[in-house]
Amino acid sequence: MVSPWNIANVLTVLRLALVPFFVICLFFPGTGWRLAALGVFALASITDHLDGELARRYGLITDFGKIADPIADKALTGAALVSLSLLGELPWWVTLVILGRELGITLLRLLLLRHAVIPASYGGKVKTVLQIAAIGLYILPGVPDPVRWAVMGAAVLVTVGTGADYVIRAVRLRRVARRARGR
């Protein structure tokens, strides 16, 4: 049995612990604080990739990690989007669409958990990269608005598209599971 206190899970907990520091830096005025917020966000985002890579490569996958990793991901992304909207820098509808999709898919995963796990798709990985890039561009001072809008627009489109794909895969999986049980 793999210990829940392995390097992959420690990185996940670190990412979660970085969220409040990121938000604090983001709300303090000045370019220095903005760059500090970007640095904390970048560090937390790197741990997102690193913890999964380490867990898979070294067989460190645990039930704790399966639960904590997506929570840490949503906490970081959600805190960033809500904070940027509160600061008046990102329209609320963007935050609501992305967080609505993330919450909906998380609930769907929980409902399907006893039947099967739908693995992350390539589109889901693209979604994550686009969201991180778009948020980073909104945090970084001096980025022209059209660049921010274009990347965030792509992130929103891929977020919605992958959400729809996940729902379709979940419905198909549920049908297969019902047929297998003879219903």
Protein backbone atom coordinates (compact mmCIF):
# COMPACT_ATOMS: atom_id res chain seq x y z
CA MET A 1 0.00 0.00 0.00
CA VAL A 2 1.32 3.42 -0.98
CA SER A 3 1.59 5.95 1.83
CA PRO A 4 -0.66 8.98 1.41
CA TRP A 5 2.33 11.11 2.47
CA ASN A 6 4.36 10.65 -0.68
CA ILE A 7 5.94 13.37 -2.81
CA ALA A 8 3.03 13.53 -5.27
CA ASN A 9 0.47 14.12 -2.51
CA VAL A 10 2.76 16.58 -0.71
CA LEU A 11 2.90 18.63 -3.94
CA THR A 12 -0.90 18.52 -4.16
CA VAL A 13 -1.21 19.78 -0.57
CA LEU A 14 1.41 22.45 -1.32
CA ARG A 15 -0.67 23.63 -4.29
CA LEU A 16 -3.71 23.92 -2.06
CA ALA A 17 -1.68 25.82 0.56
CA LEU A 18 -0.40 28.26 -2.09
CA VAL A 19 -3.92 29.38 -3.06
CA PRO A 20 -4.41 31.88 -0.19
CA PHE A 21 -0.93 33.36 -0.77
CA PHE A 22 -1.72 33.75 -4.45
CA VAL A 23 -4.99 35.56 -3.69
CA ILE A 24 -3.35 37.87 -1.14
CA CYS A 25 -0.61 38.83 -3.60
CA LEU A 26 -3.19 39.42 -6.33
CA PHE A 27 -5.21 41.86 -4.21
CA PHE A 28 -2.26 43.98 -3.07
CA PRO A 29 -1.71 46.95 -5.39
CA GLY A 30 1.41 47.39 -7.47
CA THR A 31 3.37 45.66 -10.17
CA GLY A 32 5.62 43.87 -7.67
CA TRP A 33 2.65 42.20 -6.01
CA ARG A 34 1.21 41.29 -9.41
CA LEU A 35 4.44 39.61 -10.38
CA ALA A 36 4.54 37.85 -7.00
CA ALA A 37 0.99 36.59 -7.63
CA LEU A 38 2.05 35.38 -11.07
CA GLY A 39 5.04 33.60 -9.54
CA VAL A 40 2.89 31.84 -6.93
CA PHE A 41 0.31 30.94 -9.59
CA ALA A 42 3.05 29.57 -11.88
CA LEU A 43 4.58 27.52 -9.05
CA ALA A 44 1.18 26.10 -8.10
CA SER A 45 0.43 25.32 -11.75
CA ILE A 46 3.74 23.49 -12.14
CA THR A 47 2.94 21.33 -9.12
CA ASP A 48 -0.30 20.35 -10.88
CA HIS A 49 1.67 18.76 -13.70
CA LEU A 50 4.47 17.46 -11.52
CA ASP A 51 2.35 15.66 -8.91
CA GLY A 52 0.46 13.68 -11.55
CA GLU A 53 3.64 12.82 -13.43
CA LEU A 54 5.37 11.60 -10.26
CA ALA A 55 2.31 9.63 -9.12
CA ARG A 56 2.04 7.78 -12.45
CA ARG A 57 5.77 7.25 -12.99
CA TYR A 58 6.55 5.93 -9.51
CA GLY A 59 3.28 4.21 -8.66
CA LEU A 60 2.33 6.77 -6.03
CA ILE A 61 -1.36 6.94 -6.93
CA THR A 62 -3.52 7.00 -3.79
CA ASP A 63 -7.18 7.50 -2.99
CA PHE A 64 -6.18 10.71 -1.21
CA GLY A 65 -4.46 11.98 -4.36
CA LYS A 66 -7.42 11.06 -6.56
CA ILE A 67 -9.64 13.25 -4.38
CA ALA A 68 -7.22 16.01 -3.34
CA ASP A 69 -5.68 16.69 -6.76
CA PRO A 70 -8.87 17.83 -8.50
CA ILE A 71 -9.86 19.83 -5.40
CA ALA A 72 -6.51 21.63 -5.46
CA ASP A 73 -6.86 22.26 -9.20
CA LYS A 74 -10.35 23.73 -8.83
CA ALA A 75 -9.30 25.77 -5.81
CA LEU A 76 -6.42 27.39 -7.71
CA THR A 77 -8.34 28.04 -10.91
CA GLY A 78 -11.50 29.08 -9.07
CA ALA A 79 -9.65 31.45 -6.76
CA ALA A 80 -7.90 33.04 -9.74
CA LEU A 81 -11.08 33.50 -11.78
CA VAL A 82 -13.17 34.79 -8.87
CA SER A 83 -10.39 37.15 -7.76
CA LEU A 84 -9.91 38.55 -11.25
CA SER A 85 -13.68 39.08 -11.53
CA LEU A 86 -13.83 40.75 -8.11
CA LEU A 87 -11.03 43.06 -9.23
CA GLY A 88 -13.13 43.96 -12.29
CA GLU A 89 -10.55 42.58 -14.71
CA LEU A 90 -12.43 39.53 -15.96
CA PRO A 91 -16.14 39.45 -16.83
CA TRP A 92 -18.19 37.45 -14.34
CA TRP A 93 -19.84 35.43 -17.11
CA VAL A 94 -16.43 33.92 -17.97
CA THR A 95 -15.87 32.92 -14.35
CA LEU A 96 -19.38 31.48 -14.06
CA VAL A 97 -19.14 29.47 -17.30
CA ILE A 98 -15.78 27.94 -16.40
CA LEU A 99 -16.64 27.25 -12.76
CA GLY A 100 -20.09 25.95 -13.73
CA ARG A 101 -18.50 23.46 -16.12
CA GLU A 102 -15.92 22.41 -13.55
CA LEU A 103 -18.51 21.95 -10.81
CA GLY A 104 -20.87 20.08 -13.16
CA ILE A 105 -18.18 17.66 -14.33
CA THR A 106 -16.96 17.11 -10.77
CA LEU A 107 -20.51 16.21 -9.69
CA LEU A 108 -20.88 13.94 -12.72
CA ARG A 109 -17.61 12.18 -11.83
CA LEU A 110 -18.89 11.60 -8.30
CA LEU A 111 -22.14 10.15 -9.63
CA LEU A 112 -20.28 7.80 -11.97
CA LEU A 113 -17.63 6.82 -9.43
CA ARG A 114 -19.25 3.54 -8.44
CA HIS A 115 -19.67 2.49 -12.08
CA ALA A 116 -16.40 3.57 -13.67
CA VAL A 117 -13.90 6.37 -14.03
CA ILE A 118 -13.78 8.31 -17.27
CA PRO A 119 -10.11 9.05 -17.91
CA ALA A 120 -8.95 12.55 -18.66
CA SER A 121 -8.96 13.28 -22.36
CA TYR A 122 -6.41 15.11 -24.47
CA GLY A 123 -8.97 17.92 -24.71
CA GLY A 124 -9.06 18.12 -20.93
CA LYS A 125 -5.31 18.62 -20.86
CA VAL A 126 -5.59 21.33 -23.54
CA LYS A 127 -8.35 22.97 -21.47
CA THR A 128 -6.12 23.06 -18.41
CA VAL A 129 -3.18 24.54 -20.33
CA LEU A 130 -5.41 27.19 -21.95
CA GLN A 131 -7.00 28.13 -18.61
CA ILE A 132 -3.59 28.46 -16.94
CA ALA A 133 -2.22 30.50 -19.87
CA ALA A 134 -5.28 32.77 -19.97
CA ILE A 135 -5.24 33.37 -16.22
CA GLY A 136 -1.50 34.04 -16.38
CA LEU A 137 -2.04 36.64 -19.10
CA TYR A 138 -4.71 38.36 -16.97
CA ILE A 139 -2.36 38.43 -13.97
CA LEU A 140 0.68 39.67 -15.90
CA PRO A 141 0.70 43.48 -16.10
CA GLY A 142 0.81 45.15 -19.50
CA VAL A 143 -0.58 42.37 -21.69
CA PRO A 144 -2.78 43.90 -24.41
CA ASP A 145 -6.48 43.20 -23.88
CA PRO A 146 -7.02 41.57 -27.31
CA VAL A 147 -4.34 38.97 -26.46
CA ARG A 148 -5.96 38.26 -23.09
CA TRP A 149 -9.43 38.02 -24.66
CA ALA A 150 -8.26 35.71 -27.45
CA VAL A 151 -6.61 33.21 -25.11
CA MET A 152 -9.44 33.38 -22.55
CA GLY A 153 -11.96 32.98 -25.38
CA ALA A 154 -10.15 29.85 -26.55
CA ALA A 155 -10.07 28.59 -22.95
CA VAL A 156 -13.83 29.13 -22.57
CA LEU A 157 -14.60 27.39 -25.89
CA VAL A 158 -12.42 24.38 -25.07
CA THR A 159 -13.78 24.28 -21.51
CA VAL A 160 -17.37 24.12 -22.75
CA GLY A 161 -16.50 21.70 -25.57
CA THR A 162 -14.66 19.27 -23.31
CA GLY A 163 -17.49 19.51 -20.79
CA ALA A 164 -19.98 18.48 -23.46
CA ASP A 165 -17.67 15.66 -24.57
CA TYR A 166 -17.39 14.43 -20.98
CA VAL A 167 -21.19 14.38 -20.60
CA ILE A 168 -21.54 12.41 -23.85
CA ARG A 169 -18.91 9.88 -22.72
CA ALA A 170 -20.62 9.59 -19.32
CA VAL A 171 -24.01 8.88 -20.91
CA ARG A 172 -22.47 6.21 -23.16
CA LEU A 173 -20.64 4.65 -20.22
CA ARG A 174 -23.84 4.56 -18.18
CA ARG A 175 -25.71 2.86 -21.05
CA VAL A 176 -22.98 0.23 -21.37
CA ALA A 177 -23.03 -0.35 -17.60
CA ARG A 178 -26.83 -0.77 -17.64
CA ARG A 179 -26.67 -3.23 -20.55
CA ALA A 180 -23.97 -5.21 -18.75
CA ARG A 181 -26.24 -5.51 -15.71
CA GLY A 182 -29.12 -6.63 -17.94
CA ARG A 183 -31.37 -3.57 -17.63
